[in-house]
């Protein structure tokens, strides 16, 4: 049900200058807003296509109507800035465009709705009978959230694809992906299989989406013995090669080795092995020193200076074709297989 929660109105307004017009807004909500979030605290942003001509808290607006030069504007209203996953942090927004005509008053109705999706993890009582320690990570391109076995909060993510990773008694189980849309509220209910349970256990993950928001169900069944799971033998002395790293996207804290075969240029979607076009924020690894097929490489994010300075090809062109051993998280980068959040030491292998 849509109802008005805040109105900026104007009755019989005559523009004072030729070439300017007025904007009035009617802001309403289409979904229930979480307690403690007030429309008056939302931010109103008006952009002319180049710069923000107004960015202000709605409760601080004093004018009955907003005077603007004639032109086309984007009107954006939002509760908070939301860029990476957070617990208990839904955000609400609405956006539209409007044409302001000289000596005219334009009225815009803007509906605010939830812009992100929530995921809550629920562990069954039987789960603790099979495993001494267990937790989950839900990973997306913007980051990840860690759900302990006692976590009851709802985590919020931008719309898109997230990966569900389960850790149980030293095993890392890639449970698969969930595609999230704005307003989805997902409960991931973890129930272990109770028939012929092997010593290391098997998990069946049922993910139910609130039918009042989005009418669909997803069920993911995961076998800890499958090839999708992290090899517990992976270590500094037994790293993944690049082919294995591509297959095992979603695993965290793993060692990977490969040849540096290039880097992604700033203005291209694929990688290049030619100097002069690289950027210093990434390198590309392959099993073959002369690899040029993007399907056979991983992109390595050099987020931190401690790794960017010694590894990047812009400042270290002699690193090209050197073999390197790195530790990090296997997560999509530049829409390709990737290695991110590097940790531990860098080892060049001659």
C-alpha atoms as a PDB file:
ATOM      1  CA  UNK A   1       0.000   0.000   0.000  1.00  0.00           C
ATOM      2  CA  UNK A   2       1.421   3.377  -1.010  1.00  0.00           C
ATOM      3  CA  UNK A   3       0.811   6.320   1.236  1.00  0.00           C
ATOM      4  CA  UNK A   4       2.228   9.800   1.458  1.00  0.00           C
ATOM      5  CA  UNK A   5       4.821  10.268   4.180  1.00  0.00           C
ATOM      6  CA  UNK A   6       6.277  13.655   3.276  1.00  0.00           C
ATOM      7  CA  UNK A   7       5.174  16.357   0.894  1.00  0.00           C
ATOM      8  CA  UNK A   8       6.828  19.506  -0.395  1.00  0.00           C
ATOM      9  CA  UNK A   9       3.997  21.487  -1.945  1.00  0.00           C
ATOM     10  CA  UNK A  10       3.361  24.825  -3.591  1.00  0.00           C
ATOM     11  CA  UNK A  11       0.099  26.557  -4.431  1.00  0.00           C
ATOM     12  CA  UNK A  12       0.028  29.493  -6.972  1.00  0.00           C
ATOM     13  CA  UNK A  13       3.754  30.092  -7.275  1.00  0.00           C
ATOM     14  CA  UNK A  14       4.914  32.642  -9.838  1.00  0.00           C
ATOM     15  CA  UNK A  15       8.576  32.326 -10.900  1.00  0.00           C
ATOM     16  CA  UNK A  16      10.607  35.414 -10.155  1.00  0.00           C
ATOM     17  CA  UNK A  17      13.009  35.057 -13.079  1.00  0.00           C
ATOM     18  CA  UNK A  18      12.550  34.181 -16.713  1.00  0.00           C
ATOM     19  CA  UNK A  19      14.379  30.927 -17.477  1.00  0.00           C
ATOM     20  CA  UNK A  20      13.705  29.309 -14.114  1.00  0.00           C
ATOM     21  CA  UNK A  21      10.987  27.006 -12.851  1.00  0.00           C
ATOM     22  CA  UNK A  22       9.943  25.257  -9.662  1.00  0.00           C
ATOM     23  CA  UNK A  23       9.896  21.678  -8.439  1.00  0.00           C
ATOM     24  CA  UNK A  24       7.534  20.221  -5.869  1.00  0.00           C
ATOM     25  CA  UNK A  25       7.866  16.657  -4.598  1.00  0.00           C
ATOM     26  CA  UNK A  26       5.457  14.091  -3.242  1.00  0.00           C
ATOM     27  CA  UNK A  27       7.484  11.310  -1.582  1.00  0.00           C
ATOM     28  CA  UNK A  28       5.833   8.051  -0.575  1.00  0.00           C
ATOM     29  CA  UNK A  29       6.860   4.545   0.414  1.00  0.00           C
ATOM     30  CA  UNK A  30       5.856   1.240  -1.170  1.00  0.00           C
ATOM     31  CA  UNK A  31       7.335  -1.087   1.463  1.00  0.00           C
ATOM     32  CA  UNK A  32       7.344  -0.959   5.237  1.00  0.00           C
ATOM     33  CA  UNK A  33      10.317   1.016   6.474  1.00  0.00           C
ATOM     34  CA  UNK A  34      12.279  -0.409   9.381  1.00  0.00           C
ATOM     35  CA  UNK A  35      11.609   1.155  12.770  1.00  0.00           C
ATOM     36  CA  UNK A  36      13.971   4.009  13.548  1.00  0.00           C
ATOM     37  CA  UNK A  37      14.338   5.141   9.923  1.00  0.00           C
ATOM     38  CA  UNK A  38      12.522   8.419   9.339  1.00  0.00           C
ATOM     39  CA  UNK A  39      11.701   9.913   5.954  1.00  0.00           C
ATOM     40  CA  UNK A  40      12.840  13.305   7.255  1.00  0.00           C
ATOM     41  CA  UNK A  41      16.371  11.835   7.535  1.00  0.00           C
ATOM     42  CA  UNK A  42      16.471  10.760   3.874  1.00  0.00           C
ATOM     43  CA  UNK A  43      18.784  12.650   1.527  1.00  0.00           C
ATOM     44  CA  UNK A  44      17.430  14.460  -1.521  1.00  0.00           C
ATOM     45  CA  UNK A  45      19.898  14.764  -4.395  1.00  0.00           C
ATOM     46  CA  UNK A  46      19.196  16.700  -7.604  1.00  0.00           C
ATOM     47  CA  UNK A  47      21.692  16.311 -10.447  1.00  0.00           C
ATOM     48  CA  UNK A  48      21.711  18.231 -13.733  1.00  0.00           C
ATOM     49  CA  UNK A  49      23.634  15.510 -15.570  1.00  0.00           C
ATOM     50  CA  UNK A  50      27.014  16.916 -14.612  1.00  0.00           C
ATOM     51  CA  UNK A  51      26.996  17.946 -10.965  1.00  0.00           C
ATOM     52  CA  UNK A  52      24.741  17.787  -7.920  1.00  0.00           C
ATOM     53  CA  UNK A  53      22.884  21.095  -7.783  1.00  0.00           C
ATOM     54  CA  UNK A  54      21.294  20.126  -4.454  1.00  0.00           C
ATOM     55  CA  UNK A  55      22.093  17.480  -1.856  1.00  0.00           C
ATOM     56  CA  UNK A  56      20.288  17.959   1.421  1.00  0.00           C
ATOM     57  CA  UNK A  57      18.487  16.165   4.233  1.00  0.00           C
ATOM     58  CA  UNK A  58      14.740  16.287   3.554  1.00  0.00           C
ATOM     59  CA  UNK A  59      13.997  17.486   7.085  1.00  0.00           C
ATOM     60  CA  UNK A  60      16.279  20.482   6.512  1.00  0.00           C
ATOM     61  CA  UNK A  61      14.443  21.731   3.422  1.00  0.00           C
ATOM     62  CA  UNK A  62      12.773  25.024   4.280  1.00  0.00           C
ATOM     63  CA  UNK A  63      11.350  26.018   0.921  1.00  0.00           C
ATOM     64  CA  UNK A  64       7.801  25.164  -0.149  1.00  0.00           C
ATOM     65  CA  UNK A  65       9.198  24.525  -3.632  1.00  0.00           C
ATOM     66  CA  UNK A  66      12.668  24.265  -5.121  1.00  0.00           C
ATOM     67  CA  UNK A  67      13.707  26.838  -7.701  1.00  0.00           C
ATOM     68  CA  UNK A  68      15.800  25.468 -10.578  1.00  0.00           C
ATOM     69  CA  UNK A  69      17.051  26.698 -13.960  1.00  0.00           C
ATOM     70  CA  UNK A  70      15.090  25.228 -16.858  1.00  0.00           C
ATOM     71  CA  UNK A  71      16.509  21.839 -17.843  1.00  0.00           C
ATOM     72  CA  UNK A  72      16.422  18.078 -17.223  1.00  0.00           C
ATOM     73  CA  UNK A  73      17.298  16.718 -13.792  1.00  0.00           C
ATOM     74  CA  UNK A  74      17.700  13.398 -12.024  1.00  0.00           C
ATOM     75  CA  UNK A  75      15.893  13.293  -8.685  1.00  0.00           C
ATOM     76  CA  UNK A  76      17.308  10.796  -6.202  1.00  0.00           C
ATOM     77  CA  UNK A  77      16.039  10.199  -2.647  1.00  0.00           C
ATOM     78  CA  UNK A  78      17.769   7.649  -0.397  1.00  0.00           C
ATOM     79  CA  UNK A  79      18.029   6.723   3.268  1.00  0.00           C
ATOM     80  CA  UNK A  80      21.784   5.975   3.455  1.00  0.00           C
ATOM     81  CA  UNK A  81      24.831   5.461   1.255  1.00  0.00           C
ATOM     82  CA  UNK A  82      25.122   1.677   0.806  1.00  0.00           C
ATOM     83  CA  UNK A  83      28.068   0.177  -1.090  1.00  0.00           C
ATOM     84  CA  UNK A  84      29.212  -2.985   0.729  1.00  0.00           C
ATOM     85  CA  UNK A  85      27.375  -5.685   2.720  1.00  0.00           C
ATOM     86  CA  UNK A  86      26.375  -4.868   6.308  1.00  0.00           C
ATOM     87  CA  UNK A  87      24.290  -6.454   9.036  1.00  0.00           C
ATOM     88  CA  UNK A  88      20.909  -4.888   9.889  1.00  0.00           C
ATOM     89  CA  UNK A  89      21.302  -2.178   7.255  1.00  0.00           C
ATOM     90  CA  UNK A  90      18.410  -2.047   4.783  1.00  0.00           C
ATOM     91  CA  UNK A  91      18.363   1.034   2.603  1.00  0.00           C
ATOM     92  CA  UNK A  92      15.515   2.681   0.746  1.00  0.00           C
ATOM     93  CA  UNK A  93      15.643   4.800  -2.353  1.00  0.00           C
ATOM     94  CA  UNK A  94      13.701   6.204  -5.253  1.00  0.00           C
ATOM     95  CA  UNK A  95      14.859   7.838  -8.479  1.00  0.00           C
ATOM     96  CA  UNK A  96      13.246   9.591 -11.419  1.00  0.00           C
ATOM     97  CA  UNK A  97      13.909  12.317 -13.983  1.00  0.00           C
ATOM     98  CA  UNK A  98      12.027  15.566 -14.467  1.00  0.00           C
ATOM     99  CA  UNK A  99      12.021  18.380 -17.012  1.00  0.00           C
ATOM    100  CA  UNK A 100      11.840  21.856 -15.465  1.00  0.00           C
ATOM    101  CA  UNK A 101      10.326  24.390 -17.837  1.00  0.00           C
ATOM    102  CA  UNK A 102      10.700  28.135 -17.498  1.00  0.00           C
ATOM    103  CA  UNK A 103       7.892  29.816 -15.590  1.00  0.00           C
ATOM    104  CA  UNK A 104       6.306  26.455 -14.818  1.00  0.00           C
ATOM    105  CA  UNK A 105       5.895  24.410 -11.621  1.00  0.00           C
ATOM    106  CA  UNK A 106       6.586  20.691 -12.055  1.00  0.00           C
ATOM    107  CA  UNK A 107       5.280  18.204  -9.510  1.00  0.00           C
ATOM    108  CA  UNK A 108       7.034  14.832  -9.138  1.00  0.00           C
ATOM    109  CA  UNK A 109       5.738  11.807  -7.215  1.00  0.00           C
ATOM    110  CA  UNK A 110       8.582   9.620  -6.028  1.00  0.00           C
ATOM    111  CA  UNK A 111       8.125   6.178  -4.461  1.00  0.00           C
ATOM    112  CA  UNK A 112      10.877   4.907  -2.138  1.00  0.00           C
ATOM    113  CA  UNK A 113      11.367   1.161  -1.768  1.00  0.00           C
ATOM    114  CA  UNK A 114      14.043  -1.117  -0.362  1.00  0.00           C
ATOM    115  CA  UNK A 115      17.071  -1.136  -2.660  1.00  0.00           C
ATOM    116  CA  UNK A 116      19.046  -4.046  -1.205  1.00  0.00           C
ATOM    117  CA  UNK A 117      18.326  -7.670  -0.235  1.00  0.00           C
ATOM    118  CA  UNK A 118      18.539  -9.376   3.152  1.00  0.00           C
ATOM    119  CA  UNK A 119      19.864 -12.833   4.026  1.00  0.00           C
ATOM    120  CA  UNK A 120      19.446 -14.543   7.392  1.00  0.00           C
ATOM    121  CA  UNK A 121      21.132 -17.863   8.202  1.00  0.00           C
ATOM    122  CA  UNK A 122      19.369 -20.366  10.461  1.00  0.00           C
ATOM    123  CA  UNK A 123      21.155 -23.531  11.647  1.00  0.00           C
ATOM    124  CA  UNK A 124      19.037 -26.553  12.624  1.00  0.00           C
ATOM    125  CA  UNK A 125      19.492 -28.168  16.040  1.00  0.00           C
ATOM    126  CA  UNK A 126      20.753 -31.343  14.334  1.00  0.00           C
ATOM    127  CA  UNK A 127      23.674 -29.446  12.815  1.00  0.00           C
ATOM    128  CA  UNK A 128      25.543 -29.222  16.114  1.00  0.00           C
ATOM    129  CA  UNK A 129      25.283 -33.011  16.496  1.00  0.00           C
ATOM    130  CA  UNK A 130      27.473 -33.567  13.433  1.00  0.00           C
ATOM    131  CA  UNK A 131      30.005 -30.746  13.707  1.00  0.00           C
ATOM    132  CA  UNK A 132      31.884 -29.200  16.601  1.00  0.00           C
ATOM    133  CA  UNK A 133      32.520 -25.894  14.827  1.00  0.00           C
ATOM    134  CA  UNK A 134      30.688 -24.397  11.879  1.00  0.00           C
ATOM    135  CA  UNK A 135      30.038 -21.018  10.300  1.00  0.00           C
ATOM    136  CA  UNK A 136      29.170 -19.500   6.957  1.00  0.00           C
ATOM    137  CA  UNK A 137      30.419 -16.747   4.684  1.00  0.00           C
ATOM    138  CA  UNK A 138      28.248 -15.042   2.094  1.00  0.00           C
ATOM    139  CA  UNK A 139      30.446 -13.409  -0.527  1.00  0.00           C
ATOM    140  CA  UNK A 140      29.719 -10.849  -3.244  1.00  0.00           C
ATOM    141  CA  UNK A 141      31.820  -8.588  -5.458  1.00  0.00           C
ATOM    142  CA  UNK A 142      31.564  -5.778  -2.911  1.00  0.00           C
ATOM    143  CA  UNK A 143      32.784  -7.873   0.065  1.00  0.00           C
ATOM    144  CA  UNK A 144      31.412 -10.530   2.381  1.00  0.00           C
ATOM    145  CA  UNK A 145      29.675 -11.126   5.706  1.00  0.00           C
ATOM    146  CA  UNK A 146      30.644 -13.788   8.245  1.00  0.00           C
ATOM    147  CA  UNK A 147      27.767 -15.661   9.897  1.00  0.00           C
ATOM    148  CA  UNK A 148      28.818 -17.496  13.061  1.00  0.00           C
ATOM    149  CA  UNK A 149      26.815 -20.463  14.343  1.00  0.00           C
ATOM    150  CA  UNK A 150      25.054 -18.072  16.740  1.00  0.00           C
ATOM    151  CA  UNK A 151      24.516 -15.147  14.356  1.00  0.00           C
ATOM    152  CA  UNK A 152      20.854 -14.090  14.311  1.00  0.00           C
ATOM    153  CA  UNK A 153      21.104 -10.802  12.434  1.00  0.00           C
ATOM    154  CA  UNK A 154      20.082 -10.246   8.829  1.00  0.00           C
ATOM    155  CA  UNK A 155      22.850  -9.288   6.446  1.00  0.00           C
ATOM    156  CA  UNK A 156      22.101  -6.938   3.570  1.00  0.00           C
ATOM    157  CA  UNK A 157      23.640  -7.088   0.089  1.00  0.00           C
ATOM    158  CA  UNK A 158      23.318  -5.168  -3.159  1.00  0.00           C
ATOM    159  CA  UNK A 159      21.286  -6.923  -5.859  1.00  0.00           C
ATOM    160  CA  UNK A 160      23.361  -9.453  -7.775  1.00  0.00           C
ATOM    161  CA  UNK A 161      24.932 -12.871  -7.275  1.00  0.00           C
ATOM    162  CA  UNK A 162      26.308 -14.004  -3.913  1.00  0.00           C
ATOM    163  CA  UNK A 163      28.205 -17.195  -3.054  1.00  0.00           C
ATOM    164  CA  UNK A 164      27.418 -19.260   0.052  1.00  0.00           C
ATOM    165  CA  UNK A 165      30.462 -20.862   1.687  1.00  0.00           C
ATOM    166  CA  UNK A 166      30.105 -23.211   4.675  1.00  0.00           C
ATOM    167  CA  UNK A 167      32.969 -24.023   7.058  1.00  0.00           C
ATOM    168  CA  UNK A 168      32.464 -27.152   9.174  1.00  0.00           C
ATOM    169  CA  UNK A 169      35.205 -28.858  11.219  1.00  0.00           C
ATOM    170  CA  UNK A 170      37.962 -27.764   8.851  1.00  0.00           C
ATOM    171  CA  UNK A 171      36.035 -28.384   5.654  1.00  0.00           C
ATOM    172  CA  UNK A 172      35.192 -25.547   3.275  1.00  0.00           C
ATOM    173  CA  UNK A 173      32.010 -26.343   1.359  1.00  0.00           C
ATOM    174  CA  UNK A 174      31.011 -24.271  -1.670  1.00  0.00           C
ATOM    175  CA  UNK A 175      27.221 -24.326  -1.390  1.00  0.00           C
ATOM    176  CA  UNK A 176      26.593 -22.485  -4.642  1.00  0.00           C
ATOM    177  CA  UNK A 177      25.235 -19.095  -5.666  1.00  0.00           C
ATOM    178  CA  UNK A 178      22.056 -17.126  -5.004  1.00  0.00           C
ATOM    179  CA  UNK A 179      20.812 -14.386  -7.330  1.00  0.00           C
ATOM    180  CA  UNK A 180      19.361 -11.550  -5.264  1.00  0.00           C
ATOM    181  CA  UNK A 181      16.946  -8.853  -6.373  1.00  0.00           C
ATOM    182  CA  UNK A 182      16.059  -5.679  -4.501  1.00  0.00           C
ATOM    183  CA  UNK A 183      13.545  -6.358  -1.702  1.00  0.00           C
ATOM    184  CA  UNK A 184      14.364 -10.084  -1.504  1.00  0.00           C
ATOM    185  CA  UNK A 185      14.391 -11.311   2.096  1.00  0.00           C
ATOM    186  CA  UNK A 186      16.042 -14.731   2.190  1.00  0.00           C
ATOM    187  CA  UNK A 187      16.260 -17.254   5.012  1.00  0.00           C
ATOM    188  CA  UNK A 188      19.016 -19.834   4.480  1.00  0.00           C
ATOM    189  CA  UNK A 189      17.952 -22.776   6.625  1.00  0.00           C
ATOM    190  CA  UNK A 190      20.743 -25.320   7.057  1.00  0.00           C
ATOM    191  CA  UNK A 191      19.593 -28.863   7.740  1.00  0.00           C
ATOM    192  CA  UNK A 192      22.084 -31.786   7.672  1.00  0.00           C
ATOM    193  CA  UNK A 193      21.090 -34.941   5.881  1.00  0.00           C
ATOM    194  CA  UNK A 194      19.887 -37.519   8.398  1.00  0.00           C
ATOM    195  CA  UNK A 195      20.032 -40.559   6.117  1.00  0.00           C
ATOM    196  CA  UNK A 196      23.258 -42.574   5.982  1.00  0.00           C
ATOM    197  CA  UNK A 197      25.346 -39.722   7.320  1.00  0.00           C
ATOM    198  CA  UNK A 198      29.024 -40.177   6.433  1.00  0.00           C
ATOM    199  CA  UNK A 199      31.601 -39.413   9.152  1.00  0.00           C
ATOM    200  CA  UNK A 200      32.251 -35.934   7.811  1.00  0.00           C
ATOM    201  CA  UNK A 201      28.534 -35.120   7.346  1.00  0.00           C
ATOM    202  CA  UNK A 202      26.518 -33.875   4.390  1.00  0.00           C
ATOM    203  CA  UNK A 203      24.537 -30.664   4.199  1.00  0.00           C
ATOM    204  CA  UNK A 204      21.293 -29.787   2.465  1.00  0.00           C
ATOM    205  CA  UNK A 205      20.707 -26.056   2.291  1.00  0.00           C
ATOM    206  CA  UNK A 206      17.167 -24.881   1.690  1.00  0.00           C
ATOM    207  CA  UNK A 207      16.907 -21.169   0.935  1.00  0.00           C
ATOM    208  CA  UNK A 208      13.366 -19.824   1.214  1.00  0.00           C
ATOM    209  CA  UNK A 209      12.482 -16.375  -0.059  1.00  0.00           C
ATOM    210  CA  UNK A 210       9.678 -14.532   1.745  1.00  0.00           C
ATOM    211  CA  UNK A 211       6.674 -15.073  -0.524  1.00  0.00           C
ATOM    212  CA  UNK A 212       5.203 -11.687   0.391  1.00  0.00           C
ATOM    213  CA  UNK A 213       8.215 -10.116  -1.292  1.00  0.00           C
ATOM    214  CA  UNK A 214       9.229 -12.465  -4.064  1.00  0.00           C
ATOM    215  CA  UNK A 215       7.478 -15.759  -4.782  1.00  0.00           C
ATOM    216  CA  UNK A 216      10.231 -18.267  -5.466  1.00  0.00           C
ATOM    217  CA  UNK A 217      12.224 -20.971  -3.696  1.00  0.00           C
ATOM    218  CA  UNK A 218      15.789 -22.206  -4.107  1.00  0.00           C
ATOM    219  CA  UNK A 219      17.160 -25.452  -2.754  1.00  0.00           C
ATOM    220  CA  UNK A 220      20.880 -26.193  -2.838  1.00  0.00           C
ATOM    221  CA  UNK A 221      22.222 -29.623  -1.887  1.00  0.00           C
ATOM    222  CA  UNK A 222      25.906 -29.816  -1.069  1.00  0.00           C
ATOM    223  CA  UNK A 223      28.101 -32.889  -0.658  1.00  0.00           C
ATOM    224  CA  UNK A 224      31.284 -32.253   1.352  1.00  0.00           C
ATOM    225  CA  UNK A 225      33.015 -34.975  -0.670  1.00  0.00           C
ATOM    226  CA  UNK A 226      32.404 -33.243  -4.014  1.00  0.00           C
ATOM    227  CA  UNK A 227      35.138 -31.588  -6.060  1.00  0.00           C
ATOM    228  CA  UNK A 228      33.622 -28.178  -5.313  1.00  0.00           C
ATOM    229  CA  UNK A 229      34.987 -28.229  -1.783  1.00  0.00           C
ATOM    230  CA  UNK A 230      38.250 -26.803  -0.631  1.00  0.00           C
ATOM    231  CA  UNK A 231      41.152 -29.214  -0.573  1.00  0.00           C
ATOM    232  CA  UNK A 232      42.303 -29.333   3.047  1.00  0.00           C
ATOM    233  CA  UNK A 233      45.787 -30.206   1.736  1.00  0.00           C
ATOM    234  CA  UNK A 234      46.138 -26.786   0.095  1.00  0.00           C
ATOM    235  CA  UNK A 235      49.044 -24.988   1.711  1.00  0.00           C
ATOM    236  CA  UNK A 236      52.202 -23.061   0.923  1.00  0.00           C
ATOM    237  CA  UNK A 237      53.968 -26.260  -0.168  1.00  0.00           C
ATOM    238  CA  UNK A 238      50.967 -27.618  -2.086  1.00  0.00           C
ATOM    239  CA  UNK A 239      49.279 -24.624  -3.789  1.00  0.00           C
ATOM    240  CA  UNK A 240      46.578 -24.632  -6.443  1.00  0.00           C
ATOM    241  CA  UNK A 241      47.663 -24.106 -10.017  1.00  0.00           C
ATOM    242  CA  UNK A 242      45.651 -21.646 -12.098  1.00  0.00           C
ATOM    243  CA  UNK A 243      43.315 -24.267 -13.583  1.00  0.00           C
ATOM    244  CA  UNK A 244      42.430 -25.402 -10.053  1.00  0.00           C
ATOM    245  CA  UNK A 245      42.004 -21.808  -8.874  1.00  0.00           C
ATOM    246  CA  UNK A 246      39.516 -21.178 -11.685  1.00  0.00           C
ATOM    247  CA  UNK A 247      37.507 -24.261 -10.709  1.00  0.00           C
ATOM    248  CA  UNK A 248      37.531 -23.439  -6.988  1.00  0.00           C
ATOM    249  CA  UNK A 249      36.241 -19.865  -7.042  1.00  0.00           C
ATOM    250  CA  UNK A 250      34.604 -19.038  -3.699  1.00  0.00           C
ATOM    251  CA  UNK A 251      37.283 -20.564  -1.462  1.00  0.00           C
ATOM    252  CA  UNK A 252      39.170 -18.339   0.955  1.00  0.00           C
ATOM    253  CA  UNK A 253      42.700 -18.281   2.357  1.00  0.00           C
ATOM    254  CA  UNK A 254      44.256 -20.521  -0.300  1.00  0.00           C
ATOM    255  CA  UNK A 255      47.695 -20.588  -1.927  1.00  0.00           C
ATOM    256  CA  UNK A 256      47.905 -20.186  -5.715  1.00  0.00           C
ATOM    257  CA  UNK A 257      50.890 -20.293  -8.048  1.00  0.00           C
ATOM    258  CA  UNK A 258      51.243 -19.186 -11.673  1.00  0.00           C
ATOM    259  CA  UNK A 259      53.148 -17.106 -14.186  1.00  0.00           C
ATOM    260  CA  UNK A 260      52.531 -13.355 -14.447  1.00  0.00           C
ATOM    261  CA  UNK A 261      51.381 -12.992 -18.071  1.00  0.00           C
ATOM    262  CA  UNK A 262      50.042  -9.447 -18.104  1.00  0.00           C
ATOM    263  CA  UNK A 263      47.598  -7.015 -16.535  1.00  0.00           C
ATOM    264  CA  UNK A 264      44.270  -5.430 -17.355  1.00  0.00           C
ATOM    265  CA  UNK A 265      44.521  -2.004 -19.008  1.00  0.00           C
ATOM    266  CA  UNK A 266      42.392   0.810 -17.629  1.00  0.00           C
ATOM    267  CA  UNK A 267      40.388   1.098 -20.855  1.00  0.00           C
ATOM    268  CA  UNK A 268      39.875  -2.576 -21.785  1.00  0.00           C
ATOM    269  CA  UNK A 269      37.733  -5.418 -20.494  1.00  0.00           C
ATOM    270  CA  UNK A 270      40.367  -8.125 -21.033  1.00  0.00           C
ATOM    271  CA  UNK A 271      44.032  -8.399 -20.131  1.00  0.00           C
ATOM    272  CA  UNK A 272      47.048  -7.411 -22.192  1.00  0.00           C
ATOM    273  CA  UNK A 273      50.595  -8.745 -22.169  1.00  0.00           C
ATOM    274  CA  UNK A 274      52.038  -5.617 -23.817  1.00  0.00           C
ATOM    275  CA  UNK A 275      53.725  -2.982 -21.648  1.00  0.00           C
ATOM    276  CA  UNK A 276      52.585   0.623 -21.789  1.00  0.00           C
ATOM    277  CA  UNK A 277      48.875  -0.118 -21.412  1.00  0.00           C
ATOM    278  CA  UNK A 278      48.804  -1.767 -17.987  1.00  0.00           C
ATOM    279  CA  UNK A 279      47.436  -0.299 -14.782  1.00  0.00           C
ATOM    280  CA  UNK A 280      49.108  -0.986 -11.439  1.00  0.00           C
ATOM    281  CA  UNK A 281      46.070  -2.308  -9.540  1.00  0.00           C
ATOM    282  CA  UNK A 282      46.163  -5.859 -10.904  1.00  0.00           C
ATOM    283  CA  UNK A 283      48.198  -8.636 -12.482  1.00  0.00           C
ATOM    284  CA  UNK A 284      47.105 -11.726 -14.419  1.00  0.00           C
ATOM    285  CA  UNK A 285      48.344 -15.269 -13.679  1.00  0.00           C
ATOM    286  CA  UNK A 286      48.350 -18.363 -15.901  1.00  0.00           C
ATOM    287  CA  UNK A 287      49.776 -21.876 -15.918  1.00  0.00           C
ATOM    288  CA  UNK A 288      51.352 -21.289 -19.345  1.00  0.00           C
ATOM    289  CA  UNK A 289      53.973 -18.546 -19.542  1.00  0.00           C
ATOM    290  CA  UNK A 290      52.699 -17.578 -23.033  1.00  0.00           C
ATOM    291  CA  UNK A 291      48.959 -17.784 -22.240  1.00  0.00           C
ATOM    292  CA  UNK A 292      46.728 -15.254 -24.045  1.00  0.00           C
ATOM    293  CA  UNK A 293      43.283 -16.841 -23.588  1.00  0.00           C
ATOM    294  CA  UNK A 294      41.298 -15.076 -20.878  1.00  0.00           C
ATOM    295  CA  UNK A 295      39.441 -18.310 -20.037  1.00  0.00           C
ATOM    296  CA  UNK A 296      42.706 -19.796 -18.722  1.00  0.00           C
ATOM    297  CA  UNK A 297      43.834 -16.994 -16.388  1.00  0.00           C
ATOM    298  CA  UNK A 298      42.907 -15.394 -13.079  1.00  0.00           C
ATOM    299  CA  UNK A 299      42.946 -11.669 -12.323  1.00  0.00           C
ATOM    300  CA  UNK A 300      44.775 -10.778  -9.109  1.00  0.00           C
ATOM    301  CA  UNK A 301      43.625  -7.690  -7.230  1.00  0.00           C
ATOM    302  CA  UNK A 302      46.498  -5.610  -5.828  1.00  0.00           C
ATOM    303  CA  UNK A 303      44.379  -3.713  -3.324  1.00  0.00           C
ATOM    304  CA  UNK A 304      47.037  -3.106  -0.696  1.00  0.00           C
ATOM    305  CA  UNK A 305      50.266  -1.158  -1.193  1.00  0.00           C
ATOM    306  CA  UNK A 306      52.306  -3.957   0.401  1.00  0.00           C
ATOM    307  CA  UNK A 307      51.361  -6.178  -2.574  1.00  0.00           C
ATOM    308  CA  UNK A 308      50.842  -3.568  -5.284  1.00  0.00           C
ATOM    309  CA  UNK A 309      54.328  -2.068  -5.035  1.00  0.00           C
ATOM    310  CA  UNK A 310      56.388  -5.269  -5.516  1.00  0.00           C
ATOM    311  CA  UNK A 311      53.995  -7.034  -7.930  1.00  0.00           C
ATOM    312  CA  UNK A 312      52.515  -4.530 -10.388  1.00  0.00           C
ATOM    313  CA  UNK A 313      53.922  -4.488 -13.910  1.00  0.00           C
ATOM    314  CA  UNK A 314      53.806  -0.716 -14.396  1.00  0.00           C
ATOM    315  CA  UNK A 315      56.618  -0.200 -11.901  1.00  0.00           C
ATOM    316  CA  UNK A 316      58.116  -3.695 -12.205  1.00  0.00           C
ATOM    317  CA  UNK A 317      58.041  -4.658 -15.916  1.00  0.00           C
ATOM    318  CA  UNK A 318      60.636  -7.383 -15.310  1.00  0.00           C
ATOM    319  CA  UNK A 319      57.974  -9.268 -13.301  1.00  0.00           C
ATOM    320  CA  UNK A 320      56.390 -10.290 -16.614  1.00  0.00           C
ATOM    321  CA  UNK A 321      56.738 -14.085 -17.034  1.00  0.00           C
ATOM    322  CA  UNK A 322      57.992 -14.576 -13.482  1.00  0.00           C
ATOM    323  CA  UNK A 323      56.342 -17.329 -11.463  1.00  0.00           C
ATOM    324  CA  UNK A 324      54.812 -16.226  -8.170  1.00  0.00           C
ATOM    325  CA  UNK A 325      53.168 -17.893  -5.162  1.00  0.00           C
ATOM    326  CA  UNK A 326      50.378 -15.906  -3.461  1.00  0.00           C
ATOM    327  CA  UNK A 327      47.733 -16.432  -0.791  1.00  0.00           C
ATOM    328  CA  UNK A 328      44.254 -14.912  -0.976  1.00  0.00           C
ATOM    329  CA  UNK A 329      40.525 -15.413  -1.555  1.00  0.00           C
ATOM    330  CA  UNK A 330      39.257 -16.901  -4.820  1.00  0.00           C
ATOM    331  CA  UNK A 331      36.559 -14.428  -5.839  1.00  0.00           C
ATOM    332  CA  UNK A 332      35.358 -12.949  -9.112  1.00  0.00           C
ATOM    333  CA  UNK A 333      37.352  -9.902 -10.243  1.00  0.00           C
ATOM    334  CA  UNK A 334      36.580  -7.864 -13.379  1.00  0.00           C
ATOM    335  CA  UNK A 335      33.786 -10.409 -14.054  1.00  0.00           C
ATOM    336  CA  UNK A 336      36.419 -13.147 -14.396  1.00  0.00           C
ATOM    337  CA  UNK A 337      38.008 -15.728 -12.112  1.00  0.00           C
ATOM    338  CA  UNK A 338      40.030 -13.833  -9.544  1.00  0.00           C
ATOM    339  CA  UNK A 339      42.303 -13.843  -6.507  1.00  0.00           C
ATOM    340  CA  UNK A 340      41.579 -11.035  -4.029  1.00  0.00           C
ATOM    341  CA  UNK A 341      42.354  -9.877  -0.472  1.00  0.00           C
ATOM    342  CA  UNK A 342      45.987 -11.028  -0.605  1.00  0.00           C
ATOM    343  CA  UNK A 343      47.593 -12.021   2.679  1.00  0.00           C
ATOM    344  CA  UNK A 344      50.831 -13.609   3.945  1.00  0.00           C
ATOM    345  CA  UNK A 345      54.139 -13.421   2.056  1.00  0.00           C
ATOM    346  CA  UNK A 346      54.972 -13.071  -1.647  1.00  0.00           C
ATOM    347  CA  UNK A 347      57.203 -15.778  -3.070  1.00  0.00           C
ATOM    348  CA  UNK A 348      58.801 -15.453  -6.506  1.00  0.00           C
ATOM    349  CA  UNK A 349      59.708 -18.884  -7.845  1.00  0.00           C
ATOM    350  CA  UNK A 350      62.667 -18.844 -10.177  1.00  0.00           C
END
